PDB file of all heavy atoms in Angstrom:
ATOM      1  N   LEU A   1       0.828  -1.201   0.000  1.00  0.00           N
ATOM      2  CA  LEU A   1       0.000   0.000   0.000  1.00  0.00           C
ATOM      3  C   LEU A   1       0.867   1.256   0.000  1.00  0.00           C
ATOM      4  O   LEU A   1       1.921   1.286   0.642  1.00  0.00           O
ATOM      5  CB  LEU A   1      -0.908   0.008   1.231  1.00  0.00           C
ATOM      6  CG  LEU A   1      -1.897  -1.155   1.340  1.00  0.00           C
ATOM      7  CD1 LEU A   1      -2.694  -1.057   2.641  1.00  0.00           C
ATOM      8  CD2 LEU A   1      -2.839  -1.187   0.143  1.00  0.00           C
ATOM      9  N   PRO A   2       0.432   2.301  -0.707  1.00  0.00           N
ATOM     10  CA  PRO A   2       1.171   3.574  -0.691  1.00  0.00           C
ATOM     11  C   PRO A   2       1.230   4.142   0.721  1.00  0.00           C
ATOM     12  O   PRO A   2       0.418   3.795   1.592  1.00  0.00           O
ATOM     13  CB  PRO A   2       0.352   4.471  -1.625  1.00  0.00           C
ATOM     14  CG  PRO A   2      -0.450   3.535  -2.472  1.00  0.00           C
ATOM     15  CD  PRO A   2      -0.731   2.351  -1.617  1.00  0.00           C
ATOM     16  N   GLU A   3       2.182   5.016   0.938  1.00  0.00           N
ATOM     17  CA  GLU A   3       2.359   5.630   2.252  1.00  0.00           C
ATOM     18  C   GLU A   3       1.101   6.387   2.673  1.00  0.00           C
ATOM     19  O   GLU A   3       0.485   7.102   1.885  1.00  0.00           O
ATOM     20  CB  GLU A   3       3.555   6.599   2.217  1.00  0.00           C
ATOM     21  CG  GLU A   3       3.866   7.236   3.557  1.00  0.00           C
ATOM     22  CD  GLU A   3       5.056   8.170   3.484  1.00  0.00           C
ATOM     23  OE1 GLU A   3       5.674   8.259   2.401  1.00  0.00           O
ATOM     24  OE2 GLU A   3       5.352   8.810   4.504  1.00  0.00           O
ATOM     25  N   GLY A   4       0.711   6.198   3.922  1.00  0.00           N
ATOM     26  CA  GLY A   4      -0.440   6.904   4.460  1.00  0.00           C
ATOM     27  C   GLY A   4      -1.770   6.225   4.236  1.00  0.00           C
ATOM     28  O   GLY A   4      -2.800   6.719   4.693  1.00  0.00           O
ATOM     29  N   ILE A   5      -1.773   5.072   3.541  1.00  0.00           N
ATOM     30  CA  ILE A   5      -3.018   4.361   3.249  1.00  0.00           C
ATOM     31  C   ILE A   5      -3.216   3.261   4.278  1.00  0.00           C
ATOM     32  O   ILE A   5      -2.364   2.383   4.442  1.00  0.00           O
ATOM     33  CB  ILE A   5      -2.986   3.754   1.826  1.00  0.00           C
ATOM     34  CG1 ILE A   5      -2.662   4.837   0.793  1.00  0.00           C
ATOM     35  CG2 ILE A   5      -4.314   3.085   1.520  1.00  0.00           C
ATOM     36  CD1 ILE A   5      -3.619   5.989   0.791  1.00  0.00           C
ATOM     37  N   GLU A   6      -4.331   3.286   4.982  1.00  0.00           N
ATOM     38  CA  GLU A   6      -4.628   2.297   6.008  1.00  0.00           C
ATOM     39  C   GLU A   6      -5.924   1.564   5.668  1.00  0.00           C
ATOM     40  O   GLU A   6      -6.983   2.189   5.550  1.00  0.00           O
ATOM     41  CB  GLU A   6      -4.777   2.971   7.372  1.00  0.00           C
ATOM     42  CG  GLU A   6      -3.515   3.694   7.842  1.00  0.00           C
ATOM     43  CD  GLU A   6      -3.742   4.416   9.156  1.00  0.00           C
ATOM     44  OE1 GLU A   6      -4.863   4.292   9.711  1.00  0.00           O
ATOM     45  OE2 GLU A   6      -2.812   5.083   9.638  1.00  0.00           O
ATOM     46  N   PRO A   7      -5.859   0.243   5.493  1.00  0.00           N
ATOM     47  CA  PRO A   7      -7.090  -0.506   5.212  1.00  0.00           C
ATOM     48  C   PRO A   7      -8.000  -0.543   6.433  1.00  0.00           C
ATOM     49  O   PRO A   7      -7.526  -0.557   7.574  1.00  0.00           O
ATOM     50  CB  PRO A   7      -6.572  -1.903   4.852  1.00  0.00           C
ATOM     51  CG  PRO A   7      -5.238  -2.002   5.520  1.00  0.00           C
ATOM     52  CD  PRO A   7      -4.664  -0.615   5.520  1.00  0.00           C
ATOM     53  N   THR A   8      -9.294  -0.568   6.193  1.00  0.00           N
ATOM     54  CA  THR A   8     -10.253  -0.600   7.295  1.00  0.00           C
ATOM     55  C   THR A   8     -10.667  -2.026   7.656  1.00  0.00           C
ATOM     56  O   THR A   8     -11.247  -2.243   8.720  1.00  0.00           O
ATOM     57  CB  THR A   8     -11.521   0.198   6.932  1.00  0.00           C
ATOM     58  OG1 THR A   8     -12.175  -0.431   5.819  1.00  0.00           O
ATOM     59  CG2 THR A   8     -11.167   1.632   6.555  1.00  0.00           C
ATOM     60  N   LYS A   9     -10.367  -2.993   6.794  1.00  0.00           N
ATOM     61  CA  LYS A   9     -10.791  -4.368   7.021  1.00  0.00           C
ATOM     62  C   LYS A   9      -9.711  -5.173   7.740  1.00  0.00           C
ATOM     63  O   LYS A   9      -8.561  -4.731   7.879  1.00  0.00           O
ATOM     64  CB  LYS A   9     -11.135  -5.042   5.688  1.00  0.00           C
ATOM     65  CG  LYS A   9     -12.174  -4.303   4.858  1.00  0.00           C
ATOM     66  CD  LYS A   9     -13.519  -4.242   5.548  1.00  0.00           C
ATOM     67  CE  LYS A   9     -14.571  -3.577   4.665  1.00  0.00           C
ATOM     68  NZ  LYS A   9     -15.882  -3.436   5.329  1.00  0.00           N
ATOM     69  N   ASP A  10     -10.075  -6.362   8.168  1.00  0.00           N
ATOM     70  CA  ASP A  10      -9.150  -7.298   8.804  1.00  0.00           C
ATOM     71  C   ASP A  10      -7.991  -7.594   7.854  1.00  0.00           C
ATOM     72  O   ASP A  10      -8.221  -7.984   6.706  1.00  0.00           O
ATOM     73  CB  ASP A  10      -9.904  -8.594   9.133  1.00  0.00           C
ATOM     74  CG  ASP A  10      -9.051  -9.599   9.897  1.00  0.00           C
ATOM     75  OD1 ASP A  10      -7.809  -9.453   9.914  1.00  0.00           O
ATOM     76  OD2 ASP A  10      -9.622 -10.527  10.477  1.00  0.00           O
ATOM     77  N   PRO A  11      -6.736  -7.403   8.307  1.00  0.00           N
ATOM     78  CA  PRO A  11      -5.582  -7.631   7.415  1.00  0.00           C
ATOM     79  C   PRO A  11      -5.509  -9.047   6.846  1.00  0.00           C
ATOM     80  O   PRO A  11      -4.895  -9.263   5.799  1.00  0.00           O
ATOM     81  CB  PRO A  11      -4.377  -7.345   8.318  1.00  0.00           C
ATOM     82  CG  PRO A  11      -4.908  -6.473   9.397  1.00  0.00           C
ATOM     83  CD  PRO A  11      -6.321  -6.903   9.619  1.00  0.00           C
ATOM     84  N   SER A  12      -6.142 -10.012   7.532  1.00  0.00           N
ATOM     85  CA  SER A  12      -6.083 -11.394   7.053  1.00  0.00           C
ATOM     86  C   SER A  12      -7.149 -11.704   6.010  1.00  0.00           C
ATOM     87  O   SER A  12      -7.204 -12.816   5.490  1.00  0.00           O
ATOM     88  CB  SER A  12      -6.239 -12.365   8.227  1.00  0.00           C
ATOM     89  OG  SER A  12      -7.521 -12.239   8.813  1.00  0.00           O
ATOM     90  N   GLN A  13      -7.988 -10.710   5.680  1.00  0.00           N
ATOM     91  CA  GLN A  13      -9.062 -10.950   4.717  1.00  0.00           C
ATOM     92  C   GLN A  13      -8.491 -11.248   3.340  1.00  0.00           C
ATOM     93  O   GLN A  13      -7.541 -10.613   2.878  1.00  0.00           O
ATOM     94  CB  GLN A  13      -9.998  -9.749   4.664  1.00  0.00           C
ATOM     95  CG  GLN A  13     -11.288 -10.016   3.893  1.00  0.00           C
ATOM     96  CD  GLN A  13     -12.326  -8.942   4.142  1.00  0.00           C
ATOM     97  OE1 GLN A  13     -12.288  -8.251   5.147  1.00  0.00           O
ATOM     98  NE2 GLN A  13     -13.265  -8.785   3.223  1.00  0.00           N
ATOM     99  N   LEU A  14      -9.100 -12.222   2.662  1.00  0.00           N
ATOM    100  CA  LEU A  14      -8.611 -12.699   1.374  1.00  0.00           C
ATOM    101  C   LEU A  14      -8.880 -11.702   0.254  1.00  0.00           C
ATOM    102  O   LEU A  14      -9.994 -11.182   0.136  1.00  0.00           O
ATOM    103  CB  LEU A  14      -9.267 -14.046   1.045  1.00  0.00           C
ATOM    104  CG  LEU A  14      -8.714 -14.830  -0.147  1.00  0.00           C
ATOM    105  CD1 LEU A  14      -7.273 -15.250   0.105  1.00  0.00           C
ATOM    106  CD2 LEU A  14      -9.584 -16.060  -0.404  1.00  0.00           C
ATOM    107  N   VAL A  15      -7.863 -11.445  -0.552  1.00  0.00           N
ATOM    108  CA  VAL A  15      -7.985 -10.564  -1.716  1.00  0.00           C
ATOM    109  C   VAL A  15      -8.111 -11.392  -2.993  1.00  0.00           C
ATOM    110  O   VAL A  15      -8.953 -11.123  -3.855  1.00  0.00           O
ATOM    111  CB  VAL A  15      -6.778  -9.618  -1.816  1.00  0.00           C
ATOM    112  CG1 VAL A  15      -6.830  -8.809  -3.115  1.00  0.00           C
ATOM    113  CG2 VAL A  15      -6.717  -8.691  -0.617  1.00  0.00           C
ATOM    114  N   ALA A  16      -7.261 -12.421  -3.123  1.00  0.00           N
ATOM    115  CA  ALA A  16      -7.278 -13.276  -4.312  1.00  0.00           C
ATOM    116  C   ALA A  16      -6.532 -14.562  -3.994  1.00  0.00           C
ATOM    117  O   ALA A  16      -5.757 -14.629  -3.030  1.00  0.00           O
ATOM    118  CB  ALA A  16      -6.648 -12.571  -5.511  1.00  0.00           C
ATOM    119  N   SER A  17      -6.758 -15.565  -4.813  1.00  0.00           N
ATOM    120  CA  SER A  17      -6.041 -16.830  -4.677  1.00  0.00           C
ATOM    121  C   SER A  17      -5.737 -17.373  -6.058  1.00  0.00           C
ATOM    122  O   SER A  17      -6.371 -16.997  -7.053  1.00  0.00           O
ATOM    123  CB  SER A  17      -6.857 -17.843  -3.860  1.00  0.00           C
ATOM    124  OG  SER A  17      -8.103 -18.093  -4.476  1.00  0.00           O
ATOM    125  N   VAL A  18      -4.742 -18.266  -6.115  1.00  0.00           N
ATOM    126  CA  VAL A  18      -4.323 -18.860  -7.386  1.00  0.00           C
ATOM    127  C   VAL A  18      -4.523 -20.373  -7.300  1.00  0.00           C
ATOM    128  O   VAL A  18      -4.105 -21.005  -6.324  1.00  0.00           O
ATOM    129  CB  VAL A  18      -2.854 -18.529  -7.699  1.00  0.00           C
ATOM    130  CG1 VAL A  18      -2.399 -19.261  -8.964  1.00  0.00           C
ATOM    131  CG2 VAL A  18      -2.682 -17.019  -7.874  1.00  0.00           C
ATOM    132  N   THR A  19      -5.176 -20.936  -8.286  1.00  0.00           N
ATOM    133  CA  THR A  19      -5.482 -22.364  -8.284  1.00  0.00           C
ATOM    134  C   THR A  19      -5.231 -22.961  -9.669  1.00  0.00           C
ATOM    135  O   THR A  19      -5.040 -22.231 -10.648  1.00  0.00           O
ATOM    136  CB  THR A  19      -6.951 -22.621  -7.903  1.00  0.00           C
ATOM    137  OG1 THR A  19      -7.801 -22.044  -8.918  1.00  0.00           O
ATOM    138  CG2 THR A  19      -7.282 -21.994  -6.553  1.00  0.00           C
ATOM    139  N   HIS A  20      -5.248 -24.287  -9.707  1.00  0.00           N
ATOM    140  CA  HIS A  20      -5.290 -24.973 -10.991  1.00  0.00           C
ATOM    141  C   HIS A  20      -6.705 -24.884 -11.544  1.00  0.00           C
ATOM    142  O   HIS A  20      -7.666 -24.809 -10.769  1.00  0.00           O
ATOM    143  CB  HIS A  20      -4.887 -26.449 -10.823  1.00  0.00           C
ATOM    144  CG  HIS A  20      -3.438 -26.648 -10.517  1.00  0.00           C
ATOM    145  ND1 HIS A  20      -2.438 -26.406 -11.437  1.00  0.00           N
ATOM    146  CD2 HIS A  20      -2.820 -27.054  -9.374  1.00  0.00           C
ATOM    147  CE1 HIS A  20      -1.256 -26.666 -10.891  1.00  0.00           C
ATOM    148  NE2 HIS A  20      -1.461 -27.049  -9.636  1.00  0.00           N
ATOM    149  N   PRO A  21      -6.857 -24.889 -12.863  1.00  0.00           N
ATOM    150  CA  PRO A  21      -8.216 -24.819 -13.425  1.00  0.00           C
ATOM    151  C   PRO A  21      -9.018 -26.040 -13.024  1.00  0.00           C
ATOM    152  O   PRO A  21      -8.493 -27.157 -12.941  1.00  0.00           O
ATOM    153  CB  PRO A  21      -7.972 -24.758 -14.944  1.00  0.00           C
ATOM    154  CG  PRO A  21      -6.596 -25.301 -15.138  1.00  0.00           C
ATOM    155  CD  PRO A  21      -5.824 -24.944 -13.905  1.00  0.00           C
ATOM    156  N   SER A  22     -10.279 -25.845 -12.733  1.00  0.00           N
ATOM    157  CA  SER A  22     -11.162 -26.941 -12.347  1.00  0.00           C
ATOM    158  C   SER A  22     -12.257 -27.093 -13.387  1.00  0.00           C
ATOM    159  O   SER A  22     -12.682 -26.120 -14.019  1.00  0.00           O
ATOM    160  CB  SER A  22     -11.775 -26.680 -10.972  1.00  0.00           C
ATOM    161  OG  SER A  22     -12.526 -25.481 -10.979  1.00  0.00           O
ATOM    162  N   VAL A  23     -12.718 -28.333 -13.546  1.00  0.00           N
ATOM    163  CA  VAL A  23     -13.793 -28.619 -14.496  1.00  0.00           C
ATOM    164  C   VAL A  23     -15.103 -28.671 -13.727  1.00  0.00           C
ATOM    165  O   VAL A  23     -15.201 -29.361 -12.710  1.00  0.00           O
ATOM    166  CB  VAL A  23     -13.546 -29.971 -15.202  1.00  0.00           C
ATOM    167  CG1 VAL A  23     -14.670 -30.266 -16.189  1.00  0.00           C
ATOM    168  CG2 VAL A  23     -12.193 -29.967 -15.905  1.00  0.00           C
ATOM    169  N   PRO A  24     -16.123 -27.924 -14.158  1.00  0.00           N
ATOM    170  CA  PRO A  24     -17.418 -27.972 -13.482  1.00  0.00           C
ATOM    171  C   PRO A  24     -17.944 -29.397 -13.376  1.00  0.00           C
ATOM    172  O   PRO A  24     -17.688 -30.234 -14.250  1.00  0.00           O
ATOM    173  CB  PRO A  24     -18.317 -27.108 -14.370  1.00  0.00           C
ATOM    174  CG  PRO A  24     -17.365 -26.197 -15.086  1.00  0.00           C
ATOM    175  CD  PRO A  24     -16.117 -26.993 -15.288  1.00  0.00           C
ATOM    176  N   ALA A  25     -18.696 -29.687 -12.314  1.00  0.00           N
ATOM    177  CA  ALA A  25     -19.164 -31.044 -12.049  1.00  0.00           C
ATOM    178  C   ALA A  25     -19.986 -31.610 -13.202  1.00  0.00           C
ATOM    179  O   ALA A  25     -19.830 -32.781 -13.580  1.00  0.00           O
ATOM    180  CB  ALA A  25     -19.983 -31.059 -10.760  1.00  0.00           C
ATOM    181  N   ASP A  26     -20.865 -30.796 -13.802  1.00  0.00           N
ATOM    182  CA  ASP A  26     -21.695 -31.302 -14.889  1.00  0.00           C
ATOM    183  C   ASP A  26     -20.874 -31.616 -16.128  1.00  0.00           C
ATOM    184  O   ASP A  26     -21.125 -32.601 -16.823  1.00  0.00           O
ATOM    185  CB  ASP A  26     -22.810 -30.308 -15.220  1.00  0.00           C
ATOM    186  CG  ASP A  26     -22.274 -28.927 -15.570  1.00  0.00           C
ATOM    187  OD1 ASP A  26     -21.123 -28.630 -15.193  1.00  0.00           O
ATOM    188  OD2 ASP A  26     -23.003 -28.147 -16.211  1.00  0.00           O
ATOM    189  N   VAL A  27     -19.846 -30.762 -16.377  1.00  0.00           N
ATOM    190  CA  VAL A  27     -18.972 -31.019 -17.525  1.00  0.00           C
ATOM    191  C   VAL A  27     -18.147 -32.276 -17.282  1.00  0.00           C
ATOM    192  O   VAL A  27     -17.960 -33.112 -18.175  1.00  0.00           O
ATOM    193  CB  VAL A  27     -18.056 -29.810 -17.786  1.00  0.00           C
ATOM    194  CG1 VAL A  27     -17.067 -30.123 -18.907  1.00  0.00           C
ATOM    195  CG2 VAL A  27     -18.882 -28.579 -18.133  1.00  0.00           C
ATOM    196  N   GLU A  28     -17.635 -32.412 -16.044  1.00  0.00           N
ATOM    197  CA  GLU A  28     -16.831 -33.585 -15.715  1.00  0.00           C
ATOM    198  C   GLU A  28     -17.662 -34.865 -15.850  1.00  0.00           C
ATOM    199  O   GLU A  28     -17.184 -35.882 -16.363  1.00  0.00           O
ATOM    200  CB  GLU A  28     -16.295 -33.451 -14.285  1.00  0.00           C
ATOM    201  CG  GLU A  28     -15.315 -34.560 -13.906  1.00  0.00           C
ATOM    202  CD  GLU A  28     -14.670 -34.304 -12.565  1.00  0.00           C
ATOM    203  OE1 GLU A  28     -14.989 -33.292 -11.926  1.00  0.00           O
ATOM    204  OE2 GLU A  28     -13.829 -35.128 -12.153  1.00  0.00           O
ATOM    205  N   ALA A  29     -18.926 -34.817 -15.397  1.00  0.00           N
ATOM    206  CA  ALA A  29     -19.794 -35.986 -15.509  1.00  0.00           C
ATOM    207  C   ALA A  29     -20.045 -36.334 -16.974  1.00  0.00           C
ATOM    208  O   ALA A  29     -20.057 -37.514 -17.358  1.00  0.00           O
ATOM    209  CB  ALA A  29     -21.116 -35.717 -14.792  1.00  0.00           C
ATOM    210  N   ALA A  30     -20.237 -35.301 -17.806  1.00  0.00           N
ATOM    211  CA  ALA A  30     -20.466 -35.536 -19.234  1.00  0.00           C
ATOM    212  C   ALA A  30     -19.235 -36.154 -19.889  1.00  0.00           C
ATOM    213  O   ALA A  30     -19.344 -37.063 -20.719  1.00  0.00           O
ATOM    214  CB  ALA A  30     -20.845 -34.231 -19.919  1.00  0.00           C
ATOM    215  N   LEU A  31     -18.043 -35.676 -19.494  1.00  0.00           N
ATOM    216  CA  LEU A  31     -16.807 -36.219 -20.053  1.00  0.00           C
ATOM    217  C   LEU A  31     -16.617 -37.679 -19.631  1.00  0.00           C
ATOM    218  O   LEU A  31     -16.182 -38.522 -20.433  1.00  0.00           O
ATOM    219  CB  LEU A  31     -15.612 -35.373 -19.600  1.00  0.00           C
ATOM    220  CG  LEU A  31     -15.541 -33.949 -20.169  1.00  0.00           C
ATOM    221  CD1 LEU A  31     -14.392 -33.173 -19.541  1.00  0.00           C
ATOM    222  CD2 LEU A  31     -15.374 -33.989 -21.688  1.00  0.00           C
ATOM    223  N   GLU A  32     -16.941 -37.967 -18.357  1.00  0.00           N
ATOM    224  CA  GLU A  32     -16.808 -39.338 -17.877  1.00  0.00           C
ATOM    225  C   GLU A  32     -17.774 -40.263 -18.607  1.00  0.00           C
ATOM    226  O   GLU A  32     -17.420 -41.408 -18.957  1.00  0.00           O
ATOM    227  CB  GLU A  32     -17.055 -39.386 -16.365  1.00  0.00           C
ATOM    228  CG  GLU A  32     -15.948 -38.747 -15.538  1.00  0.00           C
ATOM    229  CD  GLU A  32     -16.264 -38.754 -14.064  1.00  0.00           C
ATOM    230  OE1 GLU A  32     -17.400 -39.159 -13.704  1.00  0.00           O
ATOM    231  OE2 GLU A  32     -15.383 -38.371 -13.253  1.00  0.00           O
ATOM    232  N   ALA A  33     -19.001 -39.788 -18.840  1.00  0.00           N
ATOM    233  CA  ALA A  33     -19.979 -40.597 -19.558  1.00  0.00           C
ATOM    234  C   ALA A  33     -19.535 -40.840 -20.999  1.00  0.00           C
ATOM    235  O   ALA A  33     -19.680 -41.960 -21.535  1.00  0.00           O
ATOM    236  CB  ALA A  33     -21.344 -39.907 -19.537  1.00  0.00           C
ATOM    237  N   GLU A  34     -18.970 -39.806 -21.608  1.00  0.00           N
ATOM    238  CA  GLU A  34     -18.476 -39.949 -22.987  1.00  0.00           C
ATOM    239  C   GLU A  34     -17.332 -40.948 -23.051  1.00  0.00           C
ATOM    240  O   GLU A  34     -17.264 -41.778 -23.956  1.00  0.00           O
ATOM    241  CB  GLU A  34     -18.023 -38.580 -23.496  1.00  0.00           C
ATOM    242  CG  GLU A  34     -17.564 -38.596 -24.947  1.00  0.00           C
ATOM    243  CD  GLU A  34     -17.140 -37.216 -25.430  1.00  0.00           C
ATOM    244  OE1 GLU A  34     -17.526 -36.219 -24.770  1.00  0.00           O
ATOM    245  OE2 GLU A  34     -16.431 -37.135 -26.449  1.00  0.00           O
ATOM    246  N   GLU A  35     -16.435 -40.881 -22.057  1.00  0.00           N
ATOM    247  CA  GLU A  35     -15.303 -41.808 -22.027  1.00  0.00           C
ATOM    248  C   GLU A  35     -15.791 -43.237 -21.794  1.00  0.00           C
ATOM    249  O   GLU A  35     -15.302 -44.188 -22.432  1.00  0.00           O
ATOM    250  CB  GLU A  35     -14.328 -41.395 -20.918  1.00  0.00           C
ATOM    251  CG  GLU A  35     -13.133 -42.326 -20.734  1.00  0.00           C
ATOM    252  CD  GLU A  35     -12.206 -42.369 -21.937  1.00  0.00           C
ATOM    253  OE1 GLU A  35     -12.302 -41.471 -22.794  1.00  0.00           O
ATOM    254  OE2 GLU A  35     -11.370 -43.291 -22.022  1.00  0.00           O
ATOM    255  N   ALA A  36     -16.772 -43.409 -20.900  1.00  0.00           N
ATOM    256  CA  ALA A  36     -17.312 -44.742 -20.643  1.00  0.00           C
ATOM    257  C   ALA A  36     -17.972 -45.318 -21.888  1.00  0.00           C
ATOM    258  O   ALA A  36     -17.819 -46.512 -22.194  1.00  0.00           O
ATOM    259  CB  ALA A  36     -18.310 -44.679 -19.485  1.00  0.00           C
ATOM    260  N   ALA A  37     -18.703 -44.476 -22.628  1.00  0.00           N
ATOM    261  CA  ALA A  37     -19.343 -44.934 -23.859  1.00  0.00           C
ATOM    262  C   ALA A  37     -18.304 -45.326 -24.897  1.00  0.00           C
ATOM    263  O   ALA A  37     -18.468 -46.321 -25.614  1.00  0.00           O
ATOM    264  CB  ALA A  37     -20.252 -43.834 -24.401  1.00  0.00           C
ATOM    265  N   ARG A  38     -17.218 -44.544 -24.958  1.00  0.00           N
ATOM    266  CA  ARG A  38     -16.159 -44.865 -25.928  1.00  0.00           C
ATOM    267  C   ARG A  38     -15.510 -46.194 -25.599  1.00  0.00           C
ATOM    268  O   ARG A  38     -15.275 -47.030 -26.488  1.00  0.00           O
ATOM    269  CB  ARG A  38     -15.104 -43.756 -25.930  1.00  0.00           C
ATOM    270  CG  ARG A  38     -14.048 -43.898 -27.029  1.00  0.00           C
ATOM    271  CD  ARG A  38     -12.971 -42.826 -26.891  1.00  0.00           C
ATOM    272  NE  ARG A  38     -12.191 -43.025 -25.681  1.00  0.00           N
ATOM    273  CZ  ARG A  38     -11.199 -43.920 -25.588  1.00  0.00           C
ATOM    274  NH1 ARG A  38     -10.886 -44.688 -26.625  1.00  0.00           N
ATOM    275  NH2 ARG A  38     -10.523 -44.036 -24.470  1.00  0.00           N
ATOM    276  N   VAL A  39     -15.215 -46.411 -24.304  1.00  0.00           N
ATOM    277  CA  VAL A  39     -14.602 -47.667 -23.886  1.00  0.00           C
ATOM    278  C   VAL A  39     -15.523 -48.842 -24.169  1.00  0.00           C
ATOM    279  O   VAL A  39     -15.094 -49.912 -24.648  1.00  0.00           O
ATOM    280  CB  VAL A  39     -14.251 -47.606 -22.380  1.00  0.00           C
ATOM    281  CG1 VAL A  39     -13.813 -48.978 -21.880  1.00  0.00           C
ATOM    282  CG2 VAL A  39     -13.159 -46.581 -22.140  1.00  0.00           C
ATOM    283  N   ALA A  40     -16.829 -48.650 -23.887  1.00  0.00           N
ATOM    284  CA  ALA A  40     -17.793 -49.713 -24.139  1.00  0.00           C
ATOM    285  C   ALA A  40     -17.854 -50.057 -25.624  1.00  0.00           C
ATOM    286  O   ALA A  40     -17.953 -51.227 -26.002  1.00  0.00           O
ATOM    287  CB  ALA A  40     -19.174 -49.292 -23.628  1.00  0.00           C
ATOM    288  N   THR A  41     -17.797 -49.035 -26.478  1.00  0.00           N
ATOM    289  CA  THR A  41     -17.834 -49.263 -27.923  1.00  0.00           C
ATOM    290  C   THR A  41     -16.617 -50.036 -28.389  1.00  0.00           C
ATOM    291  O   THR A  41     -16.713 -50.980 -29.194  1.00  0.00           O
ATOM    292  CB  THR A  41     -17.916 -47.922 -28.665  1.00  0.00           C
ATOM    293  OG1 THR A  41     -19.095 -47.224 -28.253  1.00  0.00           O
ATOM    294  CG2 THR A  41     -17.959 -48.131 -30.168  1.00  0.00           C
ATOM    295  N   VAL A  42     -15.433 -49.640 -27.871  1.00  0.00           N
ATOM    296  CA  VAL A  42     -14.195 -50.329 -28.237  1.00  0.00           C
ATOM    297  C   VAL A  42     -14.242 -51.787 -27.793  1.00  0.00           C
ATOM    298  O   VAL A  42     -13.876 -52.706 -28.537  1.00  0.00           O
ATOM    299  CB  VAL A  42     -12.982 -49.611 -27.612  1.00  0.00           C
ATOM    300  CG1 VAL A  42     -11.717 -50.435 -27.800  1.00  0.00           C
ATOM    301  CG2 VAL A  42     -12.810 -48.235 -28.229  1.00  0.00           C
ATOM    302  N   GLU A  43     -14.726 -52.009 -26.556  1.00  0.00           N
ATOM    303  CA  GLU A  43     -14.806 -53.385 -26.051  1.00  0.00           C
ATOM    304  C   GLU A  43     -15.788 -54.218 -26.850  1.00  0.00           C
ATOM    305  O   GLU A  43     -15.549 -55.410 -27.112  1.00  0.00           O
ATOM    306  CB  GLU A  43     -15.213 -53.359 -24.572  1.00  0.00           C
ATOM    307  CG  GLU A  43     -14.129 -52.803 -23.650  1.00  0.00           C
ATOM    308  CD  GLU A  43     -14.580 -52.722 -22.210  1.00  0.00           C
ATOM    309  OE1 GLU A  43     -15.801 -52.873 -21.971  1.00  0.00           O
ATOM    310  OE2 GLU A  43     -13.727 -52.508 -21.321  1.00  0.00           O
ATOM    311  N   ALA A  44     -16.909 -53.607 -27.254  1.00  0.00           N
ATOM    312  CA  ALA A  44     -17.900 -54.334 -28.053  1.00  0.00           C
ATOM    313  C   ALA A  44     -17.329 -54.732 -29.396  1.00  0.00           C
ATOM    314  O   ALA A  44     -17.511 -55.865 -29.852  1.00  0.00           O
ATOM    315  CB  ALA A  44     -19.150 -53.472 -28.226  1.00  0.00           C
ATOM    316  N   HIS A  45     -16.615 -53.794 -30.027  1.00  0.00           N
ATOM    317  CA  HIS A  45     -15.992 -54.103 -31.321  1.00  0.00           C
ATOM    318  C   HIS A  45     -14.941 -55.187 -31.166  1.00  0.00           C
ATOM    319  O   HIS A  45     -14.807 -56.064 -32.023  1.00  0.00           O
ATOM    320  CB  HIS A  45     -15.378 -52.842 -31.916  1.00  0.00           C
ATOM    321  CG  HIS A  45     -16.400 -51.866 -32.407  1.00  0.00           C
ATOM    322  ND1 HIS A  45     -16.094 -50.568 -32.728  1.00  0.00           N
ATOM    323  CD2 HIS A  45     -17.728 -52.012 -32.634  1.00  0.00           C
ATOM    324  CE1 HIS A  45     -17.192 -49.949 -33.132  1.00  0.00           C
ATOM    325  NE2 HIS A  45     -18.200 -50.808 -33.076  1.00  0.00           N
ATOM    326  N   ALA A  46     -14.192 -55.140 -30.071  1.00  0.00           N
ATOM    327  CA  ALA A  46     -13.166 -56.156 -29.833  1.00  0.00           C
ATOM    328  C   ALA A  46     -13.807 -57.519 -29.639  1.00  0.00           C
ATOM    329  O   ALA A  46     -13.314 -58.544 -30.126  1.00  0.00           O
ATOM    330  CB  ALA A  46     -12.341 -55.770 -28.606  1.00  0.00           C
TER     331      ALA A  46
END
């Protein structure tokens, strides 16, 4: 902070965080279903 600037909130309050990208639950479920269908198709052909 510049000189003379005093925050009014708790100093431990979160400003931002950095994470790995996450896949939404519905998208992840759709991807898993697609992968399961692909595996089933391959096994059926085999």
